[in-house]
Amino acid sequence: MKVILIGYRTSGKSTAGMLLSSRLKIPFTDTDLLLEENSGMPIKEIVALKGWDYFRAMERETIQILKQKGAGVIATGGGVVLLGENVTLLKQMGVIVWLNAPLQDIINRLKEDAQSEAKRPQFTDGDLAQETADALKRRIPLYENAADFAVATECKSVLQVTDEIYQYLLESGIVAKINKKQKLS
């Protein structure tokens, strides 16, 4: 069984995912990092050279690879829900948890990334805040429909978010299933 974290970029999926995997004692994978490793280039470069459609196809292939692996925590790219096929694959793999971060938190983090030459490419050449608001407007219903559980991250530390996810997994019996499968392997 896998615990899959979805949400917009900078919502904390990778950070919470690493903490959660440590707590559950199962491997952690960031699909964006795996995709970069497999392609030999950063996402920003992939998108610049080959476009978003090519990137999305590589993202789908990465998810198909992960489907074959055992238990783990997976942090997905923010746009993974844009392809219905991805959501179908993810649902087959395990439980999907949406990290629902507020718009202003996302914008602030993206601005920090932009100043640090981060690898996240903008979708357009327009205003970052407007682009983010527009993208979230399209994606929120997709996140809601895909998620088995949602965590509102506003005013919470990454430890609080991780604890909330863990508590959900514990109460829903998923921790027991993961532990049982780990003992059998």
N, C-alpha and C. Protein backbone atom coordinates (compact mmCIF):
# COMPACT_ATOMS: atom_id res chain seq x y z
N MET A 1 0.84 -1.18 0.00
CA MET A 1 0.00 0.00 0.00
C MET A 1 0.88 1.24 0.00
N LYS A 2 0.40 2.24 -0.72
CA LYS A 2 1.13 3.50 -0.80
C LYS A 2 0.29 4.64 -0.24
N VAL A 3 0.96 5.63 0.30
CA VAL A 3 0.32 6.87 0.73
C VAL A 3 0.79 7.92 -0.25
N ILE A 4 -0.15 8.48 -1.01
CA ILE A 4 0.17 9.41 -2.08
C ILE A 4 -0.27 10.80 -1.67
N LEU A 5 0.67 11.73 -1.71
CA LEU A 5 0.39 13.12 -1.36
C LEU A 5 0.21 13.94 -2.62
N ILE A 6 -0.92 14.64 -2.69
CA ILE A 6 -1.20 15.52 -3.82
C ILE A 6 -1.40 16.94 -3.28
N GLY A 7 -1.33 17.90 -4.17
CA GLY A 7 -1.54 19.29 -3.80
C GLY A 7 -0.73 20.19 -4.72
N TYR A 8 -1.01 21.46 -4.65
CA TYR A 8 -0.32 22.42 -5.50
C TYR A 8 1.15 22.50 -5.14
N ARG A 9 1.96 23.02 -6.05
CA ARG A 9 3.39 23.17 -5.77
C ARG A 9 3.58 23.97 -4.49
N THR A 10 4.58 23.64 -3.77
CA THR A 10 4.97 24.26 -2.50
C THR A 10 3.96 24.03 -1.37
N SER A 11 3.07 23.07 -1.52
CA SER A 11 2.10 22.82 -0.45
C SER A 11 2.69 21.99 0.69
N GLY A 12 3.91 21.49 0.51
CA GLY A 12 4.59 20.75 1.57
C GLY A 12 4.59 19.24 1.38
N LYS A 13 4.27 18.78 0.18
CA LYS A 13 4.17 17.33 -0.06
C LYS A 13 5.49 16.61 0.20
N SER A 14 6.58 17.14 -0.30
CA SER A 14 7.88 16.46 -0.15
C SER A 14 8.34 16.48 1.30
N THR A 15 8.22 17.61 1.96
CA THR A 15 8.67 17.72 3.34
C THR A 15 7.84 16.83 4.26
N ALA A 16 6.53 16.92 4.15
CA ALA A 16 5.65 16.06 4.96
C ALA A 16 5.84 14.60 4.57
N GLY A 17 6.03 14.34 3.29
CA GLY A 17 6.22 12.97 2.82
C GLY A 17 7.45 12.31 3.42
N MET A 18 8.54 13.04 3.50
CA MET A 18 9.76 12.48 4.10
C MET A 18 9.55 12.16 5.58
N LEU A 19 8.89 13.07 6.29
CA LEU A 19 8.61 12.84 7.70
C LEU A 19 7.68 11.64 7.89
N LEU A 20 6.65 11.58 7.07
CA LEU A 20 5.67 10.49 7.17
C LEU A 20 6.32 9.14 6.85
N SER A 21 7.16 9.10 5.84
CA SER A 21 7.80 7.83 5.48
C SER A 21 8.71 7.35 6.61
N SER A 22 9.36 8.28 7.27
CA SER A 22 10.21 7.93 8.40
C SER A 22 9.36 7.36 9.54
N ARG A 23 8.24 7.98 9.78
CA ARG A 23 7.35 7.54 10.85
C ARG A 23 6.74 6.17 10.56
N LEU A 24 6.40 5.94 9.29
CA LEU A 24 5.79 4.67 8.89
C LEU A 24 6.84 3.59 8.60
N LYS A 25 8.10 4.02 8.52
CA LYS A 25 9.22 3.11 8.21
C LYS A 25 9.06 2.44 6.84
N ILE A 26 8.66 3.27 5.86
CA ILE A 26 8.56 2.82 4.47
C ILE A 26 9.26 3.86 3.59
N PRO A 27 9.68 3.48 2.38
CA PRO A 27 10.43 4.40 1.52
C PRO A 27 9.62 5.62 1.09
N PHE A 28 10.35 6.69 0.79
CA PHE A 28 9.76 7.93 0.27
C PHE A 28 10.25 8.14 -1.15
N THR A 29 9.33 8.57 -2.02
CA THR A 29 9.68 8.93 -3.39
C THR A 29 8.99 10.23 -3.76
N ASP A 30 9.75 11.12 -4.36
CA ASP A 30 9.22 12.35 -4.93
C ASP A 30 9.18 12.14 -6.43
N THR A 31 7.99 12.15 -7.03
CA THR A 31 7.88 11.83 -8.46
C THR A 31 8.66 12.81 -9.32
N ASP A 32 8.69 14.08 -8.93
CA ASP A 32 9.44 15.06 -9.71
C ASP A 32 10.94 14.75 -9.70
N LEU A 33 11.47 14.40 -8.54
CA LEU A 33 12.90 14.07 -8.45
C LEU A 33 13.22 12.78 -9.20
N LEU A 34 12.34 11.79 -9.10
CA LEU A 34 12.54 10.54 -9.84
C LEU A 34 12.50 10.80 -11.34
N LEU A 35 11.57 11.62 -11.77
CA LEU A 35 11.45 11.96 -13.19
C LEU A 35 12.73 12.66 -13.67
N GLU A 36 13.23 13.60 -12.87
CA GLU A 36 14.47 14.29 -13.23
C GLU A 36 15.64 13.32 -13.31
N GLU A 37 15.70 12.42 -12.35
CA GLU A 37 16.78 11.43 -12.32
C GLU A 37 16.72 10.53 -13.56
N ASN A 38 15.52 10.07 -13.91
CA ASN A 38 15.35 9.18 -15.06
C ASN A 38 15.60 9.89 -16.39
N SER A 39 15.31 11.19 -16.44
CA SER A 39 15.47 11.92 -17.71
C SER A 39 16.85 12.56 -17.83
N GLY A 40 17.53 12.72 -16.70
CA GLY A 40 18.85 13.34 -16.73
C GLY A 40 18.83 14.85 -16.85
N MET A 41 17.67 15.46 -16.62
CA MET A 41 17.59 16.92 -16.67
C MET A 41 16.50 17.44 -15.75
N PRO A 42 16.66 18.70 -15.29
CA PRO A 42 15.63 19.27 -14.41
C PRO A 42 14.31 19.52 -15.15
N ILE A 43 13.23 19.54 -14.39
CA ILE A 43 11.90 19.76 -14.96
C ILE A 43 11.85 21.05 -15.76
N LYS A 44 12.44 22.09 -15.21
CA LYS A 44 12.43 23.39 -15.89
C LYS A 44 13.00 23.26 -17.30
N GLU A 45 14.06 22.47 -17.44
CA GLU A 45 14.70 22.26 -18.74
C GLU A 45 13.83 21.37 -19.63
N ILE A 46 13.24 20.32 -19.05
CA ILE A 46 12.35 19.44 -19.83
C ILE A 46 11.22 20.26 -20.45
N VAL A 47 10.59 21.09 -19.62
CA VAL A 47 9.46 21.90 -20.09
C VAL A 47 9.92 22.90 -21.14
N ALA A 48 11.08 23.54 -20.92
CA ALA A 48 11.59 24.53 -21.88
C ALA A 48 11.91 23.88 -23.22
N LEU A 49 12.48 22.68 -23.20
CA LEU A 49 12.90 22.03 -24.44
C LEU A 49 11.78 21.26 -25.14
N LYS A 50 10.91 20.62 -24.35
CA LYS A 50 9.95 19.69 -24.94
C LYS A 50 8.49 20.00 -24.64
N GLY A 51 8.24 20.93 -23.72
CA GLY A 51 6.87 21.35 -23.43
C GLY A 51 6.21 20.59 -22.31
N TRP A 52 5.06 21.14 -21.85
CA TRP A 52 4.32 20.56 -20.74
C TRP A 52 3.72 19.21 -21.08
N ASP A 53 3.26 19.02 -22.31
CA ASP A 53 2.65 17.74 -22.68
C ASP A 53 3.66 16.59 -22.55
N TYR A 54 4.89 16.84 -22.99
CA TYR A 54 5.94 15.84 -22.88
C TYR A 54 6.22 15.54 -21.40
N PHE A 55 6.30 16.61 -20.60
CA PHE A 55 6.53 16.43 -19.17
C PHE A 55 5.41 15.59 -18.55
N ARG A 56 4.16 15.89 -18.88
CA ARG A 56 3.03 15.15 -18.31
C ARG A 56 3.08 13.67 -18.71
N ALA A 57 3.52 13.38 -19.94
CA ALA A 57 3.66 11.99 -20.37
C ALA A 57 4.75 11.29 -19.54
N MET A 58 5.85 11.98 -19.27
CA MET A 58 6.91 11.41 -18.44
C MET A 58 6.42 11.20 -17.01
N GLU A 59 5.60 12.12 -16.54
CA GLU A 59 5.04 12.00 -15.19
C GLU A 59 4.17 10.74 -15.09
N ARG A 60 3.37 10.50 -16.11
CA ARG A 60 2.51 9.30 -16.14
C ARG A 60 3.37 8.03 -16.13
N GLU A 61 4.46 8.02 -16.92
CA GLU A 61 5.36 6.87 -16.94
C GLU A 61 5.99 6.64 -15.56
N THR A 62 6.34 7.72 -14.89
CA THR A 62 6.95 7.63 -13.55
C THR A 62 5.96 6.99 -12.58
N ILE A 63 4.70 7.39 -12.65
CA ILE A 63 3.68 6.80 -11.77
C ILE A 63 3.51 5.32 -12.09
N GLN A 64 3.54 4.95 -13.35
CA GLN A 64 3.41 3.54 -13.73
C GLN A 64 4.57 2.71 -13.17
N ILE A 65 5.77 3.29 -13.16
CA ILE A 65 6.93 2.62 -12.57
C ILE A 65 6.70 2.41 -11.07
N LEU A 66 6.23 3.45 -10.39
CA LEU A 66 6.02 3.38 -8.94
C LEU A 66 4.91 2.40 -8.56
N LYS A 67 3.97 2.21 -9.47
CA LYS A 67 2.87 1.28 -9.19
C LYS A 67 3.41 -0.13 -8.95
N GLN A 68 4.53 -0.45 -9.59
CA GLN A 68 5.12 -1.79 -9.47
C GLN A 68 5.89 -1.99 -8.17
N LYS A 69 6.16 -0.92 -7.45
CA LYS A 69 6.96 -0.99 -6.22
C LYS A 69 6.07 -1.31 -5.02
N GLY A 70 6.70 -1.64 -3.90
CA GLY A 70 5.98 -1.96 -2.68
C GLY A 70 5.50 -0.72 -1.95
N ALA A 71 5.23 -0.90 -0.68
CA ALA A 71 4.71 0.19 0.16
C ALA A 71 5.64 1.39 0.12
N GLY A 72 5.06 2.57 0.24
CA GLY A 72 5.86 3.78 0.25
C GLY A 72 4.99 5.02 0.36
N VAL A 73 5.66 6.12 0.63
CA VAL A 73 5.01 7.43 0.61
C VAL A 73 5.49 8.12 -0.66
N ILE A 74 4.55 8.67 -1.42
CA ILE A 74 4.87 9.30 -2.69
C ILE A 74 4.37 10.74 -2.68
N ALA A 75 5.29 11.66 -2.95
CA ALA A 75 4.92 13.07 -3.16
C ALA A 75 4.86 13.28 -4.67
N THR A 76 3.70 13.69 -5.14
CA THR A 76 3.50 13.88 -6.58
C THR A 76 3.72 15.33 -6.97
N GLY A 77 3.85 15.54 -8.28
CA GLY A 77 3.91 16.90 -8.80
C GLY A 77 2.54 17.55 -8.66
N GLY A 78 2.51 18.86 -8.59
CA GLY A 78 1.26 19.59 -8.37
C GLY A 78 0.20 19.38 -9.43
N GLY A 79 0.64 19.07 -10.66
CA GLY A 79 -0.32 18.91 -11.75
C GLY A 79 -0.67 17.47 -12.07
N VAL A 80 -0.30 16.54 -11.21
CA VAL A 80 -0.55 15.13 -11.48
C VAL A 80 -2.03 14.85 -11.70
N VAL A 81 -2.89 15.64 -11.08
CA VAL A 81 -4.34 15.41 -11.19
C VAL A 81 -4.93 15.90 -12.51
N LEU A 82 -4.13 16.56 -13.33
CA LEU A 82 -4.63 17.09 -14.61
C LEU A 82 -4.95 15.98 -15.61
N LEU A 83 -4.33 14.82 -15.43
CA LEU A 83 -4.62 13.67 -16.29
C LEU A 83 -5.43 12.66 -15.50
N GLY A 84 -6.63 12.39 -15.96
CA GLY A 84 -7.50 11.43 -15.28
C GLY A 84 -6.85 10.07 -15.13
N GLU A 85 -6.03 9.68 -16.11
CA GLU A 85 -5.33 8.40 -16.06
C GLU A 85 -4.40 8.34 -14.85
N ASN A 86 -3.76 9.46 -14.53
CA ASN A 86 -2.89 9.50 -13.35
C ASN A 86 -3.69 9.24 -12.08
N VAL A 87 -4.82 9.90 -11.96
CA VAL A 87 -5.64 9.76 -10.77
C VAL A 87 -6.11 8.31 -10.63
N THR A 88 -6.52 7.70 -11.73
CA THR A 88 -6.94 6.30 -11.71
C THR A 88 -5.81 5.40 -11.22
N LEU A 89 -4.60 5.61 -11.75
CA LEU A 89 -3.43 4.83 -11.32
C LEU A 89 -3.15 5.04 -9.84
N LEU A 90 -3.17 6.29 -9.41
CA LEU A 90 -2.87 6.60 -8.01
C LEU A 90 -3.89 5.96 -7.07
N LYS A 91 -5.16 5.99 -7.45
CA LYS A 91 -6.20 5.38 -6.61
C LYS A 91 -5.99 3.87 -6.49
N GLN A 92 -5.49 3.24 -7.55
CA GLN A 92 -5.21 1.81 -7.51
C GLN A 92 -4.03 1.49 -6.60
N MET A 93 -3.15 2.48 -6.40
CA MET A 93 -1.92 2.26 -5.65
C MET A 93 -2.09 2.40 -4.13
N GLY A 94 -3.10 3.16 -3.70
CA GLY A 94 -3.24 3.35 -2.27
C GLY A 94 -4.15 4.50 -1.92
N VAL A 95 -3.85 5.13 -0.80
CA VAL A 95 -4.67 6.22 -0.28
C VAL A 95 -4.08 7.56 -0.74
N ILE A 96 -4.96 8.47 -1.15
CA ILE A 96 -4.53 9.77 -1.65
C ILE A 96 -4.89 10.84 -0.63
N VAL A 97 -3.87 11.62 -0.23
CA VAL A 97 -4.03 12.68 0.75
C VAL A 97 -3.70 14.01 0.08
N TRP A 98 -4.65 14.95 0.17
CA TRP A 98 -4.48 16.27 -0.42
C TRP A 98 -3.99 17.25 0.64
N LEU A 99 -2.85 17.87 0.40
CA LEU A 99 -2.35 18.95 1.25
C LEU A 99 -2.89 20.25 0.67
N ASN A 100 -3.90 20.79 1.32
CA ASN A 100 -4.61 21.97 0.85
C ASN A 100 -4.02 23.22 1.50
N ALA A 101 -3.11 23.84 0.78
CA ALA A 101 -2.43 25.04 1.27
C ALA A 101 -3.15 26.29 0.77
N PRO A 102 -3.19 27.35 1.58
CA PRO A 102 -3.85 28.59 1.16
C PRO A 102 -3.08 29.27 0.02
N LEU A 103 -3.82 29.95 -0.82
CA LEU A 103 -3.26 30.64 -1.98
C LEU A 103 -2.08 31.53 -1.59
N GLN A 104 -2.24 32.36 -0.57
CA GLN A 104 -1.17 33.30 -0.23
C GLN A 104 0.09 32.59 0.23
N ASP A 105 -0.05 31.48 0.97
CA ASP A 105 1.13 30.70 1.36
C ASP A 105 1.86 30.17 0.13
N ILE A 106 1.10 29.66 -0.81
CA ILE A 106 1.69 29.12 -2.05
C ILE A 106 2.43 30.23 -2.80
N ILE A 107 1.79 31.37 -2.96
CA ILE A 107 2.42 32.48 -3.68
C ILE A 107 3.70 32.92 -2.98
N ASN A 108 3.66 33.05 -1.67
CA ASN A 108 4.86 33.46 -0.93
C ASN A 108 5.99 32.46 -1.13
N ARG A 109 5.69 31.19 -1.06
CA ARG A 109 6.72 30.15 -1.24
C ARG A 109 7.25 30.15 -2.67
N LEU A 110 6.37 30.35 -3.65
CA LEU A 110 6.82 30.40 -5.04
C LEU A 110 7.72 31.60 -5.29
N LYS A 111 7.41 32.72 -4.65
CA LYS A 111 8.28 33.90 -4.78
C LYS A 111 9.65 33.63 -4.18
N GLU A 112 9.68 32.94 -3.03
CA GLU A 112 10.96 32.56 -2.43
C GLU A 112 11.74 31.64 -3.37
N ASP A 113 11.03 30.69 -3.99
CA ASP A 113 11.67 29.79 -4.95
C ASP A 113 12.26 30.57 -6.12
N ALA A 114 11.49 31.52 -6.64
CA ALA A 114 11.95 32.31 -7.78
C ALA A 114 13.24 33.05 -7.44
N GLN A 115 13.34 33.54 -6.22
CA GLN A 115 14.54 34.26 -5.80
C GLN A 115 15.72 33.31 -5.63
N SER A 116 15.45 32.06 -5.35
CA SER A 116 16.54 31.10 -5.13
C SER A 116 16.84 30.28 -6.39
N GLU A 117 16.33 30.70 -7.54
CA GLU A 117 16.56 29.99 -8.80
C GLU A 117 16.09 28.54 -8.73
N ALA A 118 14.95 28.33 -8.12
CA ALA A 118 14.40 26.98 -7.99
C ALA A 118 14.07 26.41 -9.35
N LYS A 119 13.75 25.13 -9.37
CA LYS A 119 13.55 24.41 -10.62
C LYS A 119 12.12 24.47 -11.15
N ARG A 120 11.21 25.10 -10.43
CA ARG A 120 9.81 25.09 -10.86
C ARG A 120 9.59 26.12 -11.96
N PRO A 121 9.21 25.67 -13.14
CA PRO A 121 8.93 26.63 -14.21
C PRO A 121 7.53 27.23 -14.04
N GLN A 122 7.40 28.50 -14.40
CA GLN A 122 6.07 29.10 -14.41
C GLN A 122 5.31 28.53 -15.59
N PHE A 123 3.99 28.58 -15.52
CA PHE A 123 3.17 28.07 -16.61
C PHE A 123 3.06 29.08 -17.74
N THR A 124 3.14 30.36 -17.39
CA THR A 124 3.03 31.43 -18.38
C THR A 124 4.11 32.47 -18.07
N ASP A 125 4.16 33.49 -18.89
CA ASP A 125 5.08 34.60 -18.63
C ASP A 125 4.39 35.70 -17.85
N GLY A 126 3.17 35.44 -17.41
CA GLY A 126 2.37 36.44 -16.71
C GLY A 126 2.71 36.58 -15.24
N ASP A 127 1.84 37.27 -14.55
CA ASP A 127 1.98 37.52 -13.12
C ASP A 127 1.87 36.22 -12.33
N LEU A 128 2.84 35.96 -11.46
CA LEU A 128 2.88 34.72 -10.69
C LEU A 128 1.63 34.54 -9.83
N ALA A 129 1.20 35.60 -9.16
CA ALA A 129 0.03 35.50 -8.29
C ALA A 129 -1.22 35.16 -9.08
N GLN A 130 -1.42 35.83 -10.23
CA GLN A 130 -2.61 35.57 -11.04
C GLN A 130 -2.55 34.17 -11.64
N GLU A 131 -1.38 33.78 -12.11
CA GLU A 131 -1.20 32.45 -12.68
C GLU A 131 -1.54 31.38 -11.64
N THR A 132 -1.07 31.58 -10.42
CA THR A 132 -1.30 30.62 -9.34
C THR A 132 -2.79 30.55 -8.99
N ALA A 133 -3.42 31.71 -8.88
CA ALA A 133 -4.86 31.75 -8.57
C ALA A 133 -5.67 31.05 -9.66
N ASP A 134 -5.32 31.31 -10.92
CA ASP A 134 -6.03 30.68 -12.04
C ASP A 134 -5.84 29.16 -12.03
N ALA A 135 -4.60 28.72 -11.82
CA ALA A 135 -4.31 27.28 -11.81
C ALA A 135 -5.04 26.59 -10.65
N LEU A 136 -5.03 27.22 -9.48
CA LEU A 136 -5.72 26.63 -8.33
C LEU A 136 -7.22 26.54 -8.57
N LYS A 137 -7.77 27.53 -9.20
CA LYS A 137 -9.22 27.53 -9.49
C LYS A 137 -9.59 26.29 -10.32
N ARG A 138 -8.71 25.94 -11.27
CA ARG A 138 -8.95 24.75 -12.10
C ARG A 138 -8.66 23.46 -11.34
N ARG A 139 -7.65 23.48 -10.48
CA ARG A 139 -7.18 22.25 -9.86
C ARG A 139 -7.90 21.85 -8.58
N ILE A 140 -8.39 22.80 -7.82
CA ILE A 140 -9.01 22.45 -6.54
C ILE A 140 -10.10 21.39 -6.69
N PRO A 141 -11.01 21.51 -7.67
CA PRO A 141 -12.00 20.43 -7.82
C PRO A 141 -11.36 19.07 -8.15
N LEU A 142 -10.25 19.09 -8.87
CA LEU A 142 -9.55 17.85 -9.21
C LEU A 142 -8.90 17.23 -7.97
N TYR A 143 -8.30 18.08 -7.14
CA TYR A 143 -7.72 17.59 -5.87
C TYR A 143 -8.82 17.01 -4.98
N GLU A 144 -9.93 17.75 -4.88
CA GLU A 144 -11.05 17.29 -4.03
C GLU A 144 -11.57 15.93 -4.49
N ASN A 145 -11.72 15.77 -5.80
CA ASN A 145 -12.27 14.52 -6.34
C ASN A 145 -11.30 13.36 -6.19
N ALA A 146 -10.00 13.63 -6.26
CA ALA A 146 -9.00 12.57 -6.18
C ALA A 146 -8.74 12.12 -4.75
N ALA A 147 -8.85 13.03 -3.80
CA ALA A 147 -8.41 12.77 -2.43
C ALA A 147 -9.35 11.87 -1.65
N ASP A 148 -8.74 10.98 -0.86
CA ASP A 148 -9.46 10.20 0.13
C ASP A 148 -9.54 10.98 1.44
N PHE A 149 -8.57 11.87 1.63
CA PHE A 149 -8.47 12.66 2.85
C PHE A 149 -7.78 13.97 2.51
N ALA A 150 -8.21 15.06 3.14
CA ALA A 150 -7.59 16.37 2.90
C ALA A 150 -7.11 16.96 4.22
N VAL A 151 -5.97 17.63 4.16
CA VAL A 151 -5.41 18.33 5.31
C VAL A 151 -5.28 19.80 4.94
N ALA A 152 -5.96 20.65 5.66
CA ALA A 152 -5.78 22.10 5.48
C ALA A 152 -4.49 22.47 6.21
N THR A 153 -3.52 23.02 5.48
CA THR A 153 -2.20 23.27 6.06
C THR A 153 -2.06 24.66 6.69
N GLU A 154 -3.07 25.50 6.52
CA GLU A 154 -2.98 26.87 7.03
C GLU A 154 -2.70 26.91 8.53
N CYS A 155 -1.70 27.71 8.89
CA CYS A 155 -1.30 27.91 10.29
C CYS A 155 -0.83 26.64 10.98
N LYS A 156 -0.38 25.65 10.21
CA LYS A 156 0.12 24.40 10.79
C LYS A 156 1.58 24.21 10.37
N SER A 157 2.35 23.68 11.30
CA SER A 157 3.73 23.31 10.97
C SER A 157 3.70 22.02 10.17
N VAL A 158 4.81 21.69 9.54
CA VAL A 158 4.89 20.45 8.78
C VAL A 158 4.73 19.25 9.72
N LEU A 159 5.16 19.38 10.96
CA LEU A 159 4.96 18.29 11.93
C LEU A 159 3.48 18.10 12.26
N GLN A 160 2.75 19.20 12.38
CA GLN A 160 1.31 19.10 12.64
C GLN A 160 0.59 18.46 11.45
N VAL A 161 0.98 18.84 10.25
CA VAL A 161 0.38 18.27 9.04
C VAL A 161 0.66 16.77 8.99
N THR A 162 1.91 16.40 9.25
CA THR A 162 2.30 14.99 9.23
C THR A 162 1.54 14.21 10.30
N ASP A 163 1.41 14.78 11.48
CA ASP A 163 0.66 14.12 12.56
C ASP A 163 -0.80 13.90 12.16
N GLU A 164 -1.38 14.90 11.50
CA GLU A 164 -2.78 14.78 11.08
C GLU A 164 -2.96 13.67 10.05
N ILE A 165 -2.01 13.58 9.12
CA ILE A 165 -2.06 12.50 8.12
C ILE A 165 -1.91 11.15 8.81
N TYR A 166 -0.92 11.06 9.70
CA TYR A 166 -0.66 9.80 10.40
C TYR A 166 -1.89 9.37 11.20
N GLN A 167 -2.52 10.31 11.88
CA GLN A 167 -3.72 10.00 12.68
C GLN A 167 -4.83 9.45 11.79
N TYR A 168 -5.02 10.06 10.61
CA TYR A 168 -6.01 9.55 9.66
C TYR A 168 -5.67 8.12 9.24
N LEU A 169 -4.39 7.89 8.91
CA LEU A 169 -3.96 6.56 8.47
C LEU A 169 -4.14 5.53 9.58
N LEU A 170 -3.87 5.95 10.80
CA LEU A 170 -4.03 5.07 11.96
C LEU A 170 -5.50 4.71 12.17
N GLU A 171 -6.36 5.72 12.20
CA GLU A 171 -7.79 5.52 12.45
C GLU A 171 -8.49 4.75 11.34
N SER A 172 -7.98 4.87 10.11
CA SER A 172 -8.62 4.18 8.99
C SER A 172 -8.06 2.78 8.76
N GLY A 173 -7.12 2.36 9.61
CA GLY A 173 -6.57 1.02 9.51
C GLY A 173 -5.44 0.87 8.50
N ILE A 174 -5.04 1.95 7.89
CA ILE A 174 -4.00 1.87 6.85
C ILE A 174 -2.63 1.59 7.46
N VAL A 175 -2.35 2.16 8.63
CA VAL A 175 -1.07 1.88 9.29
C VAL A 175 -0.95 0.39 9.58
N ALA A 176 -2.02 -0.21 10.05
CA ALA A 176 -2.01 -1.65 10.34
C ALA A 176 -1.75 -2.46 9.06
N LYS A 177 -2.39 -2.06 7.94
CA LYS A 177 -2.18 -2.76 6.67
C LYS A 177 -0.73 -2.63 6.22
N ILE A 178 -0.17 -1.44 6.35
CA ILE A 178 1.23 -1.23 5.95
C ILE A 178 2.14 -2.09 6.82
N ASN A 179 1.92 -2.07 8.12
CA ASN A 179 2.75 -2.86 9.03
C ASN A 179 2.66 -4.35 8.74
N LYS A 180 1.44 -4.81 8.45
CA LYS A 180 1.23 -6.24 8.16
C LYS A 180 1.99 -6.63 6.89
N LYS A 181 1.90 -5.80 5.85
CA LYS A 181 2.60 -6.10 4.59
C LYS A 181 4.11 -6.04 4.78
N GLN A 182 4.58 -5.11 5.61
CA GLN A 182 6.01 -5.00 5.87
C GLN A 182 6.53 -6.27 6.57
N LYS A 183 5.75 -6.81 7.49
CA LYS A 183 6.17 -8.02 8.19
C LYS A 183 6.19 -9.23 7.27
N LEU A 184 5.29 -9.25 6.28
CA LEU A 184 5.22 -10.37 5.35
C LEU A 184 6.34 -10.33 4.32
N SER A 185 6.89 -9.15 4.07
CA SER A 185 7.93 -9.06 3.03
C SER A 185 9.31 -9.29 3.54
